[in-house]
């Protein structure tokens, strides 16, 4: 019975992945140029598949560290962040891609607080919710629906959130310390 439900989950995920890639293709056709949407969709699908099969989650590693003193998951996260920096920082420094640098402010603080409450009520962060929902958890589908609703609300009221006090500019470690300094940091 478990194998049958796994086949359903994989089939739904495959169809949704194809639909997402189709939307990315249509977006590129509408703009008349390669915008990277298809590549981004495929990278997201493959990364999700890899993380799902690795049973990778952010909150579980922190929970094990706090409750049991086991830091293996945190070391894996730090390694992953380091590898991403080693690959992405040179691309950003060379101008082949760009990082998004945003100012911090009251909207970020309120959003972080609301995110923290949602993590506690939903028993998982965004990646954990997606991981568990992707595994077929009906309960996490409800959490995901509220996660989407909150994101929609924030986007709908963007002018309100954007008008709240914030810093003048974000900080780029690559711009401030150079490529080598940013990687060392």
C-alpha atoms as a PDB file:
ATOM      1  CA  UNK A   1       0.000   0.000   0.000  1.00  0.00           C
ATOM      2  CA  UNK A   2       2.857   2.403   0.844  1.00  0.00           C
ATOM      3  CA  UNK A   3       4.439   1.856  -2.572  1.00  0.00           C
ATOM      4  CA  UNK A   4       1.161   2.711  -4.288  1.00  0.00           C
ATOM      5  CA  UNK A   5       0.829   6.038  -2.411  1.00  0.00           C
ATOM      6  CA  UNK A   6       4.484   6.838  -3.204  1.00  0.00           C
ATOM      7  CA  UNK A   7       3.773   6.316  -6.905  1.00  0.00           C
ATOM      8  CA  UNK A   8       0.868   8.768  -6.640  1.00  0.00           C
ATOM      9  CA  UNK A   9       3.027  11.376  -4.924  1.00  0.00           C
ATOM     10  CA  UNK A  10       5.787  10.991  -7.521  1.00  0.00           C
ATOM     11  CA  UNK A  11       3.251  11.187 -10.361  1.00  0.00           C
ATOM     12  CA  UNK A  12       1.677  14.374  -8.964  1.00  0.00           C
ATOM     13  CA  UNK A  13       5.121  15.908  -8.400  1.00  0.00           C
ATOM     14  CA  UNK A  14       6.161  15.026 -11.949  1.00  0.00           C
ATOM     15  CA  UNK A  15       3.022  16.567 -13.435  1.00  0.00           C
ATOM     16  CA  UNK A  16       3.394  19.728 -11.328  1.00  0.00           C
ATOM     17  CA  UNK A  17       7.065  19.961 -12.327  1.00  0.00           C
ATOM     18  CA  UNK A  18       6.142  19.697 -15.998  1.00  0.00           C
ATOM     19  CA  UNK A  19       3.415  22.334 -15.566  1.00  0.00           C
ATOM     20  CA  UNK A  20       5.884  24.665 -13.826  1.00  0.00           C
ATOM     21  CA  UNK A  21       8.441  24.155 -16.590  1.00  0.00           C
ATOM     22  CA  UNK A  22       5.691  24.782 -19.171  1.00  0.00           C
ATOM     23  CA  UNK A  23       4.794  28.091 -17.502  1.00  0.00           C
ATOM     24  CA  UNK A  24       8.483  29.034 -17.505  1.00  0.00           C
ATOM     25  CA  UNK A  25       8.650  28.250 -21.229  1.00  0.00           C
ATOM     26  CA  UNK A  26       5.550  30.363 -21.920  1.00  0.00           C
ATOM     27  CA  UNK A  27       7.022  33.263 -19.933  1.00  0.00           C
ATOM     28  CA  UNK A  28      10.203  33.152 -22.001  1.00  0.00           C
ATOM     29  CA  UNK A  29       8.186  33.007 -25.232  1.00  0.00           C
ATOM     30  CA  UNK A  30       6.079  35.993 -24.159  1.00  0.00           C
ATOM     31  CA  UNK A  31       9.208  38.043 -23.446  1.00  0.00           C
ATOM     32  CA  UNK A  32      10.860  36.887 -26.662  1.00  0.00           C
ATOM     33  CA  UNK A  33      14.152  36.098 -24.952  1.00  0.00           C
ATOM     34  CA  UNK A  34      15.889  33.657 -22.649  1.00  0.00           C
ATOM     35  CA  UNK A  35      15.123  34.882 -19.116  1.00  0.00           C
ATOM     36  CA  UNK A  36      16.459  31.832 -17.297  1.00  0.00           C
ATOM     37  CA  UNK A  37      13.012  30.781 -16.083  1.00  0.00           C
ATOM     38  CA  UNK A  38      13.242  27.273 -17.553  1.00  0.00           C
ATOM     39  CA  UNK A  39      16.684  26.676 -16.066  1.00  0.00           C
ATOM     40  CA  UNK A  40      15.505  27.999 -12.698  1.00  0.00           C
ATOM     41  CA  UNK A  41      12.469  25.702 -12.751  1.00  0.00           C
ATOM     42  CA  UNK A  42      14.588  22.655 -13.605  1.00  0.00           C
ATOM     43  CA  UNK A  43      17.228  23.508 -10.974  1.00  0.00           C
ATOM     44  CA  UNK A  44      14.465  23.892  -8.382  1.00  0.00           C
ATOM     45  CA  UNK A  45      12.898  20.570  -9.326  1.00  0.00           C
ATOM     46  CA  UNK A  46      16.242  18.731  -9.256  1.00  0.00           C
ATOM     47  CA  UNK A  47      17.307  20.399  -5.990  1.00  0.00           C
ATOM     48  CA  UNK A  48      13.973  19.476  -4.415  1.00  0.00           C
ATOM     49  CA  UNK A  49      14.362  15.896  -5.565  1.00  0.00           C
ATOM     50  CA  UNK A  50      17.899  15.695  -4.185  1.00  0.00           C
ATOM     51  CA  UNK A  51      16.980  17.284  -0.847  1.00  0.00           C
ATOM     52  CA  UNK A  52      13.918  15.052  -0.503  1.00  0.00           C
ATOM     53  CA  UNK A  53      15.931  11.894  -1.057  1.00  0.00           C
ATOM     54  CA  UNK A  54      18.605  13.136   1.334  1.00  0.00           C
ATOM     55  CA  UNK A  55      15.899  13.829   3.972  1.00  0.00           C
ATOM     56  CA  UNK A  56      17.442  17.274   4.306  1.00  0.00           C
ATOM     57  CA  UNK A  57      15.751  19.828   6.518  1.00  0.00           C
ATOM     58  CA  UNK A  58      16.922  22.917   8.342  1.00  0.00           C
ATOM     59  CA  UNK A  59      14.855  22.844  11.529  1.00  0.00           C
ATOM     60  CA  UNK A  60      15.428  19.174  12.302  1.00  0.00           C
ATOM     61  CA  UNK A  61      19.187  19.694  12.451  1.00  0.00           C
ATOM     62  CA  UNK A  62      18.809  22.625  14.857  1.00  0.00           C
ATOM     63  CA  UNK A  63      16.336  20.655  16.970  1.00  0.00           C
ATOM     64  CA  UNK A  64      18.746  17.704  17.233  1.00  0.00           C
ATOM     65  CA  UNK A  65      21.569  20.083  18.159  1.00  0.00           C
ATOM     66  CA  UNK A  66      19.578  21.807  20.926  1.00  0.00           C
ATOM     67  CA  UNK A  67      17.881  18.716  22.338  1.00  0.00           C
ATOM     68  CA  UNK A  68      20.549  16.054  21.883  1.00  0.00           C
ATOM     69  CA  UNK A  69      23.779  17.981  21.330  1.00  0.00           C
ATOM     70  CA  UNK A  70      24.281  16.312  17.933  1.00  0.00           C
ATOM     71  CA  UNK A  71      25.745  18.761  15.415  1.00  0.00           C
ATOM     72  CA  UNK A  72      26.067  16.574  12.313  1.00  0.00           C
ATOM     73  CA  UNK A  73      23.097  18.234  10.585  1.00  0.00           C
ATOM     74  CA  UNK A  74      24.386  21.728  11.365  1.00  0.00           C
ATOM     75  CA  UNK A  75      27.789  20.829   9.963  1.00  0.00           C
ATOM     76  CA  UNK A  76      26.060  19.623   6.792  1.00  0.00           C
ATOM     77  CA  UNK A  77      24.197  22.943   6.559  1.00  0.00           C
ATOM     78  CA  UNK A  78      27.394  24.954   7.027  1.00  0.00           C
ATOM     79  CA  UNK A  79      29.108  22.839   4.367  1.00  0.00           C
ATOM     80  CA  UNK A  80      26.190  23.429   1.987  1.00  0.00           C
ATOM     81  CA  UNK A  81      26.270  27.203   2.609  1.00  0.00           C
ATOM     82  CA  UNK A  82      30.040  27.213   2.101  1.00  0.00           C
ATOM     83  CA  UNK A  83      29.790  25.309  -1.181  1.00  0.00           C
ATOM     84  CA  UNK A  84      27.104  27.689  -2.438  1.00  0.00           C
ATOM     85  CA  UNK A  85      29.328  30.663  -1.562  1.00  0.00           C
ATOM     86  CA  UNK A  86      32.342  29.106  -3.316  1.00  0.00           C
ATOM     87  CA  UNK A  87      30.278  28.667  -6.493  1.00  0.00           C
ATOM     88  CA  UNK A  88      28.137  31.818  -6.434  1.00  0.00           C
ATOM     89  CA  UNK A  89      30.513  34.520  -5.096  1.00  0.00           C
ATOM     90  CA  UNK A  90      32.927  34.315  -8.058  1.00  0.00           C
ATOM     91  CA  UNK A  91      29.971  34.448 -10.469  1.00  0.00           C
ATOM     92  CA  UNK A  92      28.600  37.526  -8.689  1.00  0.00           C
ATOM     93  CA  UNK A  93      32.035  39.195  -8.517  1.00  0.00           C
ATOM     94  CA  UNK A  94      32.590  38.576 -12.251  1.00  0.00           C
ATOM     95  CA  UNK A  95      29.189  40.056 -13.101  1.00  0.00           C
ATOM     96  CA  UNK A  96      27.940  36.774 -14.625  1.00  0.00           C
ATOM     97  CA  UNK A  97      24.984  36.927 -12.221  1.00  0.00           C
ATOM     98  CA  UNK A  98      23.885  39.261  -9.490  1.00  0.00           C
ATOM     99  CA  UNK A  99      22.842  38.901  -5.918  1.00  0.00           C
ATOM    100  CA  UNK A 100      19.781  40.648  -4.555  1.00  0.00           C
ATOM    101  CA  UNK A 101      20.757  43.067  -1.806  1.00  0.00           C
ATOM    102  CA  UNK A 102      17.868  44.595   0.086  1.00  0.00           C
ATOM    103  CA  UNK A 103      17.689  46.999   3.020  1.00  0.00           C
ATOM    104  CA  UNK A 104      16.489  45.712   6.381  1.00  0.00           C
ATOM    105  CA  UNK A 105      13.664  47.332   8.267  1.00  0.00           C
ATOM    106  CA  UNK A 106      10.484  47.045  10.261  1.00  0.00           C
ATOM    107  CA  UNK A 107       8.782  44.945   7.563  1.00  0.00           C
ATOM    108  CA  UNK A 108      11.633  42.402   7.772  1.00  0.00           C
ATOM    109  CA  UNK A 109      11.362  42.264  11.568  1.00  0.00           C
ATOM    110  CA  UNK A 110       7.558  41.796  11.492  1.00  0.00           C
ATOM    111  CA  UNK A 111       7.904  39.180   8.747  1.00  0.00           C
ATOM    112  CA  UNK A 112      10.565  37.285  10.695  1.00  0.00           C
ATOM    113  CA  UNK A 113       8.395  37.339  13.833  1.00  0.00           C
ATOM    114  CA  UNK A 114       5.338  36.078  11.924  1.00  0.00           C
ATOM    115  CA  UNK A 115       7.488  33.425  10.227  1.00  0.00           C
ATOM    116  CA  UNK A 116       8.702  32.239  13.634  1.00  0.00           C
ATOM    117  CA  UNK A 117       5.140  31.958  14.943  1.00  0.00           C
ATOM    118  CA  UNK A 118       4.147  30.052  11.797  1.00  0.00           C
ATOM    119  CA  UNK A 119       7.099  27.693  12.234  1.00  0.00           C
ATOM    120  CA  UNK A 120       5.986  26.874  15.767  1.00  0.00           C
ATOM    121  CA  UNK A 121       2.309  26.436  14.879  1.00  0.00           C
ATOM    122  CA  UNK A 122       3.055  24.440  11.721  1.00  0.00           C
ATOM    123  CA  UNK A 123       5.913  22.372  13.182  1.00  0.00           C
ATOM    124  CA  UNK A 124       8.306  23.317  10.406  1.00  0.00           C
ATOM    125  CA  UNK A 125       9.882  26.092   8.388  1.00  0.00           C
ATOM    126  CA  UNK A 126       9.276  26.744   4.700  1.00  0.00           C
ATOM    127  CA  UNK A 127      11.687  24.065   3.513  1.00  0.00           C
ATOM    128  CA  UNK A 128      10.406  21.578   6.092  1.00  0.00           C
ATOM    129  CA  UNK A 129       6.817  22.275   5.110  1.00  0.00           C
ATOM    130  CA  UNK A 130       7.605  21.779   1.434  1.00  0.00           C
ATOM    131  CA  UNK A 131       9.612  18.633   2.226  1.00  0.00           C
ATOM    132  CA  UNK A 132       6.847  17.084   4.326  1.00  0.00           C
ATOM    133  CA  UNK A 133       4.033  18.188   1.998  1.00  0.00           C
ATOM    134  CA  UNK A 134       6.014  16.773  -0.933  1.00  0.00           C
ATOM    135  CA  UNK A 135       6.183  13.509   0.952  1.00  0.00           C
ATOM    136  CA  UNK A 136       2.382  13.373   1.016  1.00  0.00           C
ATOM    137  CA  UNK A 137       1.505  14.777   4.467  1.00  0.00           C
ATOM    138  CA  UNK A 138      -2.081  16.046   4.413  1.00  0.00           C
ATOM    139  CA  UNK A 139      -1.528  18.066   7.599  1.00  0.00           C
ATOM    140  CA  UNK A 140       1.367  19.927   6.008  1.00  0.00           C
ATOM    141  CA  UNK A 141      -0.784  20.699   2.958  1.00  0.00           C
ATOM    142  CA  UNK A 142      -2.924  22.821   5.308  1.00  0.00           C
ATOM    143  CA  UNK A 143       0.216  24.545   6.612  1.00  0.00           C
ATOM    144  CA  UNK A 144       1.357  25.093   3.025  1.00  0.00           C
ATOM    145  CA  UNK A 145      -2.011  26.652   2.137  1.00  0.00           C
ATOM    146  CA  UNK A 146      -1.621  29.177   4.973  1.00  0.00           C
ATOM    147  CA  UNK A 147       2.008  29.778   3.976  1.00  0.00           C
ATOM    148  CA  UNK A 148       0.837  30.634   0.454  1.00  0.00           C
ATOM    149  CA  UNK A 149      -2.020  32.795   1.797  1.00  0.00           C
ATOM    150  CA  UNK A 150       0.415  34.768   3.979  1.00  0.00           C
ATOM    151  CA  UNK A 151       2.776  35.272   1.049  1.00  0.00           C
ATOM    152  CA  UNK A 152      -0.128  36.437  -1.107  1.00  0.00           C
ATOM    153  CA  UNK A 153      -1.259  38.867   1.608  1.00  0.00           C
ATOM    154  CA  UNK A 154       2.242  40.343   1.925  1.00  0.00           C
ATOM    155  CA  UNK A 155       2.458  40.768  -1.845  1.00  0.00           C
ATOM    156  CA  UNK A 156      -1.047  42.225  -2.081  1.00  0.00           C
ATOM    157  CA  UNK A 157      -0.226  44.840   0.572  1.00  0.00           C
ATOM    158  CA  UNK A 158       3.310  45.450  -0.747  1.00  0.00           C
ATOM    159  CA  UNK A 159       2.922  49.245  -0.753  1.00  0.00           C
ATOM    160  CA  UNK A 160       2.132  49.200   2.972  1.00  0.00           C
ATOM    161  CA  UNK A 161       5.124  47.007   3.838  1.00  0.00           C
ATOM    162  CA  UNK A 162       7.477  48.940   1.542  1.00  0.00           C
ATOM    163  CA  UNK A 163       6.510  52.240   3.222  1.00  0.00           C
ATOM    164  CA  UNK A 164       7.634  51.088   6.681  1.00  0.00           C
ATOM    165  CA  UNK A 165      10.948  52.455   8.043  1.00  0.00           C
ATOM    166  CA  UNK A 166      14.105  50.666   6.849  1.00  0.00           C
ATOM    167  CA  UNK A 167      17.826  51.130   6.351  1.00  0.00           C
ATOM    168  CA  UNK A 168      19.000  53.069   3.329  1.00  0.00           C
ATOM    169  CA  UNK A 169      20.785  50.163   1.635  1.00  0.00           C
ATOM    170  CA  UNK A 170      21.728  46.545   2.086  1.00  0.00           C
ATOM    171  CA  UNK A 171      25.282  45.330   2.581  1.00  0.00           C
ATOM    172  CA  UNK A 172      27.138  43.155   0.083  1.00  0.00           C
ATOM    173  CA  UNK A 173      30.066  41.263   1.596  1.00  0.00           C
ATOM    174  CA  UNK A 174      31.560  40.965  -1.888  1.00  0.00           C
ATOM    175  CA  UNK A 175      31.386  44.738  -2.422  1.00  0.00           C
ATOM    176  CA  UNK A 176      32.609  45.532   1.112  1.00  0.00           C
ATOM    177  CA  UNK A 177      35.419  42.970   1.432  1.00  0.00           C
ATOM    178  CA  UNK A 178      36.105  41.747  -2.113  1.00  0.00           C
ATOM    179  CA  UNK A 179      35.808  38.199  -3.376  1.00  0.00           C
ATOM    180  CA  UNK A 180      38.527  36.711  -1.155  1.00  0.00           C
ATOM    181  CA  UNK A 181      37.401  38.647   1.920  1.00  0.00           C
ATOM    182  CA  UNK A 182      33.760  37.704   1.350  1.00  0.00           C
ATOM    183  CA  UNK A 183      34.657  34.027   1.037  1.00  0.00           C
ATOM    184  CA  UNK A 184      36.876  34.214   4.130  1.00  0.00           C
ATOM    185  CA  UNK A 185      34.042  35.830   6.074  1.00  0.00           C
END
